[in-house]
Amino acid sequence: MTPLRRPHENLDHVTDWVFDLDNTLYPRECNLFAQIDTLITRYVMDVTRLDFARARALQKDYYRDFGTTLNGLMHKHDIDPDHFLNTVHAIDYSPVDPHPDLVEAIADLPGRKFILTNGDTGHARSVLRRLGGDHLFEHVHDIRAMTFVPKPHKKAYEGFFANHGIDPTRAIMFDDLEKNLVVPHDQGMATVQVVASDDFSHEQVEAWELGRSTGPHVHHVTSDLAGFLRNLP
């Protein structure tokens, strides 16, 4: 897929490279997050005593309205976030294949590299080990570091910038969800939406989760992250 070029076409000003994790550093097609998604539904069922269909609908409502289902459950049901994170990340990571081309492309970028994820650090490290890139990143800024206020909320990004001395006007954000690029754009970051290579709709993924945007907050779109990084101007 040819990247959509918008502002920040020349990225030689970038000193800090910020990557989302799930469905960004590995392809959505490997369906890793589907395992987590199923465990989240079961968790919502246990907390609310709702049947599967109603728990699933509530899960997606919380995800849409609060940024994460976890944030919704904390607000509405006062759950223990550590118990939630440990439960829903008890998954099989074997669907994530090593990706030496992506690892090399990220390693070659000039400047610091970070992960900014609504998941937790343990989950991120498990993914990175599978990719072969556990050594690549300066820091994993996870949901605990965000004090459980997730992307796309502005506070999540402001805390990240402050903790790591990042000037957003010299940084770039890669994320699969276009809504998570609104605040980075507003703060002066360059933005890239990483999308599935083809139609990936199925019963576990809502249409809005797969949305591609032509809005001003999305400067570039690519379905090939390694290729995008290799072909930077």
Protein backbone atom coordinates (compact mmCIF):
# COMPACT_ATOMS: atom_id res chain seq x y z
CA MET A 1 0.00 0.00 0.00
CA THR A 2 1.40 3.39 -0.96
CA PRO A 3 1.65 5.67 2.09
CA LEU A 4 -0.70 8.64 2.11
CA ARG A 5 1.53 11.72 2.20
CA ARG A 6 0.41 14.75 4.18
CA PRO A 7 2.20 17.24 6.43
CA HIS A 8 5.61 16.18 7.78
CA GLU A 9 6.48 14.43 4.51
CA ASN A 10 10.15 14.92 5.29
CA LEU A 11 10.79 13.26 8.65
CA ASP A 12 14.44 14.24 9.09
CA HIS A 13 13.41 16.43 12.05
CA VAL A 14 12.34 13.39 14.11
CA THR A 15 14.48 12.51 17.12
CA ASP A 16 11.94 10.36 19.05
CA TRP A 17 10.07 7.46 17.41
CA VAL A 18 6.96 6.34 19.31
CA PHE A 19 5.18 3.08 18.48
CA ASP A 20 1.94 1.56 19.64
CA LEU A 21 2.25 -2.19 20.23
CA ASP A 22 -0.84 -4.28 19.43
CA ASN A 23 -1.77 -4.49 15.75
CA THR A 24 1.03 -2.03 14.99
CA LEU A 25 4.34 -3.81 15.60
CA TYR A 26 2.77 -7.11 14.60
CA PRO A 27 0.10 -7.56 11.89
CA ARG A 28 -3.54 -7.60 12.93
CA GLU A 29 -3.88 -10.71 10.76
CA CYS A 30 -2.01 -12.86 13.29
CA ASN A 31 -5.08 -12.43 15.54
CA LEU A 32 -3.07 -12.19 18.75
CA PHE A 33 -5.33 -9.54 20.21
CA ALA A 34 -8.35 -11.77 19.51
CA GLN A 35 -7.15 -13.98 22.38
CA ILE A 36 -7.02 -10.99 24.72
CA ASP A 37 -10.37 -9.78 23.44
CA THR A 38 -12.01 -13.10 24.32
CA LEU A 39 -10.50 -13.10 27.82
CA ILE A 40 -11.75 -9.53 28.34
CA THR A 41 -15.28 -10.65 27.46
CA ARG A 42 -15.08 -13.45 30.00
CA TYR A 43 -13.77 -10.99 32.57
CA VAL A 44 -16.69 -8.64 31.94
CA MET A 45 -19.07 -11.59 32.29
CA ASP A 46 -17.54 -12.51 35.65
CA VAL A 47 -17.71 -8.93 36.96
CA THR A 48 -21.19 -8.05 35.72
CA ARG A 49 -22.89 -11.48 35.68
CA LEU A 50 -24.16 -10.66 32.21
CA ASP A 51 -24.52 -13.28 29.50
CA PHE A 52 -21.98 -13.40 26.66
CA ALA A 53 -23.82 -11.16 24.21
CA ARG A 54 -24.59 -8.40 26.70
CA ALA A 55 -21.12 -8.56 28.26
CA ARG A 56 -19.54 -8.29 24.83
CA ALA A 57 -21.67 -5.27 23.95
CA LEU A 58 -20.74 -3.60 27.25
CA GLN A 59 -17.06 -4.39 26.70
CA LYS A 60 -17.09 -2.64 23.32
CA ASP A 61 -19.03 0.31 24.76
CA TYR A 62 -16.39 0.76 27.47
CA TYR A 63 -13.59 0.39 24.92
CA ARG A 64 -15.13 3.06 22.70
CA ASP A 65 -16.12 5.47 25.47
CA PHE A 66 -13.23 5.11 27.95
CA GLY A 67 -10.31 4.24 25.66
CA THR A 68 -9.97 0.75 27.15
CA THR A 69 -12.39 -1.75 28.65
CA LEU A 70 -10.16 -1.69 31.73
CA ASN A 71 -10.73 2.03 32.21
CA GLY A 72 -14.49 1.54 31.94
CA LEU A 73 -14.45 -1.33 34.42
CA MET A 74 -12.38 0.72 36.88
CA HIS A 75 -14.80 3.63 36.65
CA LYS A 76 -18.01 1.61 36.72
CA HIS A 77 -17.12 -1.48 38.79
CA ASP A 78 -14.04 -0.53 40.84
CA ILE A 79 -12.02 -3.56 39.72
CA ASP A 80 -8.36 -4.27 40.53
CA PRO A 81 -6.42 -3.29 37.39
CA ASP A 82 -3.49 -5.60 38.14
CA HIS A 83 -5.80 -8.60 38.42
CA PHE A 84 -7.42 -7.64 35.12
CA LEU A 85 -4.10 -7.21 33.27
CA ASN A 86 -2.65 -10.47 34.59
CA THR A 87 -5.83 -12.32 33.61
CA VAL A 88 -6.32 -11.04 30.07
CA HIS A 89 -2.64 -11.33 29.05
CA ALA A 90 -2.44 -15.06 29.88
CA ILE A 91 -2.29 -15.91 26.17
CA ASP A 92 -0.31 -17.89 23.58
CA TYR A 93 2.20 -15.60 21.87
CA SER A 94 3.26 -18.09 19.18
CA PRO A 95 1.13 -16.42 16.43
CA VAL A 96 3.65 -13.53 16.46
CA ASP A 97 6.43 -14.48 14.07
CA PRO A 98 9.98 -13.11 14.14
CA HIS A 99 10.25 -10.04 11.90
CA PRO A 100 13.94 -9.34 11.27
CA ASP A 101 13.21 -6.78 8.53
CA LEU A 102 11.12 -4.68 10.91
CA VAL A 103 13.63 -5.07 13.74
CA GLU A 104 16.45 -3.91 11.48
CA ALA A 105 14.40 -1.00 10.12
CA ILE A 106 13.61 0.25 13.64
CA ALA A 107 17.19 -0.30 14.83
CA ASP A 108 18.46 1.88 11.97
CA LEU A 109 16.25 4.86 12.88
CA PRO A 110 18.21 7.84 14.21
CA GLY A 111 17.26 8.80 17.75
CA ARG A 112 15.33 7.23 20.61
CA LYS A 113 12.58 4.64 20.22
CA PHE A 114 9.66 4.13 22.61
CA ILE A 115 6.56 2.00 22.93
CA LEU A 116 3.40 3.74 24.12
CA THR A 117 0.79 1.07 24.80
CA ASN A 118 -2.52 0.65 26.58
CA GLY A 119 -1.32 -2.84 27.48
CA ASP A 120 1.22 -3.62 30.16
CA THR A 121 5.00 -3.99 30.03
CA GLY A 122 4.97 -7.77 30.49
CA HIS A 123 2.71 -8.17 27.47
CA ALA A 124 4.88 -5.81 25.43
CA ARG A 125 8.08 -7.67 26.32
CA SER A 126 6.49 -11.00 25.36
CA VAL A 127 5.58 -9.59 21.93
CA LEU A 128 9.01 -8.02 21.44
CA ARG A 129 10.78 -11.28 22.27
CA ARG A 130 8.73 -13.03 19.58
CA LEU A 131 9.56 -10.32 17.04
CA GLY A 132 13.25 -10.46 17.96
CA GLY A 133 13.29 -6.84 19.08
CA ASP A 134 13.40 -6.82 22.88
CA HIS A 135 16.56 -4.68 22.72
CA LEU A 136 15.18 -1.96 20.44
CA PHE A 137 13.33 0.42 22.73
CA GLU A 138 14.48 2.97 25.26
CA HIS A 139 11.37 2.39 27.35
CA VAL A 140 7.93 0.77 27.31
CA HIS A 141 5.47 3.36 28.61
CA ASP A 142 2.51 1.17 29.54
CA ILE A 143 -0.94 1.54 31.07
CA ARG A 144 0.48 1.55 34.60
CA ALA A 145 2.86 4.40 33.71
CA MET A 146 -0.20 6.22 32.36
CA THR A 147 -1.80 5.80 35.81
CA PHE A 148 -4.47 3.77 33.97
CA VAL A 149 -5.64 6.76 31.91
CA PRO A 150 -5.22 5.34 28.39
CA LYS A 151 -4.82 6.66 24.90
CA PRO A 152 -6.63 8.51 23.33
CA HIS A 153 -6.94 10.73 26.46
CA LYS A 154 -4.64 13.75 26.41
CA LYS A 155 -3.29 13.02 29.89
CA ALA A 156 -1.78 9.74 28.67
CA TYR A 157 0.40 11.54 26.13
CA GLU A 158 1.29 14.50 28.35
CA GLY A 159 2.60 12.19 31.07
CA PHE A 160 4.63 10.28 28.49
CA PHE A 161 6.19 13.47 27.09
CA ALA A 162 7.02 14.76 30.57
CA ASN A 163 8.49 11.48 31.86
CA HIS A 164 10.86 11.10 28.93
CA GLY A 165 11.67 14.70 28.03
CA ILE A 166 10.06 14.44 24.60
CA ASP A 167 9.44 17.47 22.43
CA PRO A 168 6.37 16.38 20.43
CA THR A 169 7.32 18.66 17.54
CA ARG A 170 10.38 16.45 17.05
CA ALA A 171 8.59 13.13 17.46
CA ILE A 172 6.42 10.77 15.43
CA MET A 173 3.59 8.44 16.53
CA PHE A 174 2.68 5.11 14.88
CA ASP A 175 -0.70 3.60 15.83
CA ASP A 176 -3.30 1.33 14.25
CA LEU A 177 -6.23 3.34 15.64
CA GLU A 178 -6.74 6.73 14.04
CA LYS A 179 -8.43 8.08 17.19
CA ASN A 180 -5.11 7.60 19.01
CA LEU A 181 -3.43 10.00 16.56
CA VAL A 182 -5.66 13.01 17.27
CA VAL A 183 -3.81 14.25 20.36
CA PRO A 184 -0.33 13.54 18.89
CA HIS A 185 -1.25 15.63 15.84
CA ASP A 186 -2.63 18.42 18.05
CA GLN A 187 0.62 18.40 20.06
CA GLY A 188 2.75 18.73 16.92
CA MET A 189 3.83 15.14 16.34
CA ALA A 190 4.01 13.59 12.89
CA THR A 191 1.56 10.67 12.70
CA VAL A 192 1.31 7.34 10.88
CA GLN A 193 -1.70 5.02 10.92
CA VAL A 194 -0.70 1.37 10.49
CA VAL A 195 -3.59 -0.54 8.89
CA ALA A 196 -4.41 -4.13 7.92
CA SER A 197 -3.27 -5.12 4.45
CA ASP A 198 -6.80 -6.10 3.40
CA ASP A 199 -10.35 -6.43 4.73
CA PHE A 200 -9.98 -7.93 8.20
CA SER A 201 -13.51 -7.58 9.55
CA HIS A 202 -14.82 -10.47 11.65
CA GLU A 203 -17.12 -10.99 14.60
CA GLN A 204 -14.51 -9.96 17.18
CA VAL A 205 -13.68 -6.64 15.52
CA GLU A 206 -16.10 -3.75 15.24
CA ALA A 207 -16.08 -1.74 12.02
CA TRP A 208 -14.99 1.44 13.84
CA GLU A 209 -11.87 -0.34 15.11
CA LEU A 210 -10.70 -0.83 11.51
CA GLY A 211 -11.49 2.67 10.31
CA ARG A 212 -9.04 4.49 8.08
CA SER A 213 -9.06 8.25 8.22
CA THR A 214 -8.31 10.97 5.73
CA GLY A 215 -8.60 13.55 8.50
CA PRO A 216 -5.86 16.08 9.15
CA HIS A 217 -4.60 14.17 12.21
CA VAL A 218 -3.38 11.27 10.02
CA HIS A 219 -0.33 12.37 8.04
CA HIS A 220 0.65 8.96 6.60
CA VAL A 221 -1.07 5.58 6.21
CA THR A 222 0.73 2.29 5.59
CA SER A 223 0.02 -1.43 5.70
CA ASP A 224 3.76 -2.23 5.63
CA LEU A 225 5.52 -0.67 8.61
CA ALA A 226 8.95 -2.11 7.79
CA GLY A 227 8.67 -0.90 4.21
CA PHE A 228 7.52 2.53 5.31
CA LEU A 229 10.53 2.92 7.61
CA ARG A 230 12.92 1.65 4.96
CA ASN A 231 11.61 4.12 2.39
CA LEU A 232 11.60 7.28 4.49
CA PRO A 233 12.74 10.32 2.51
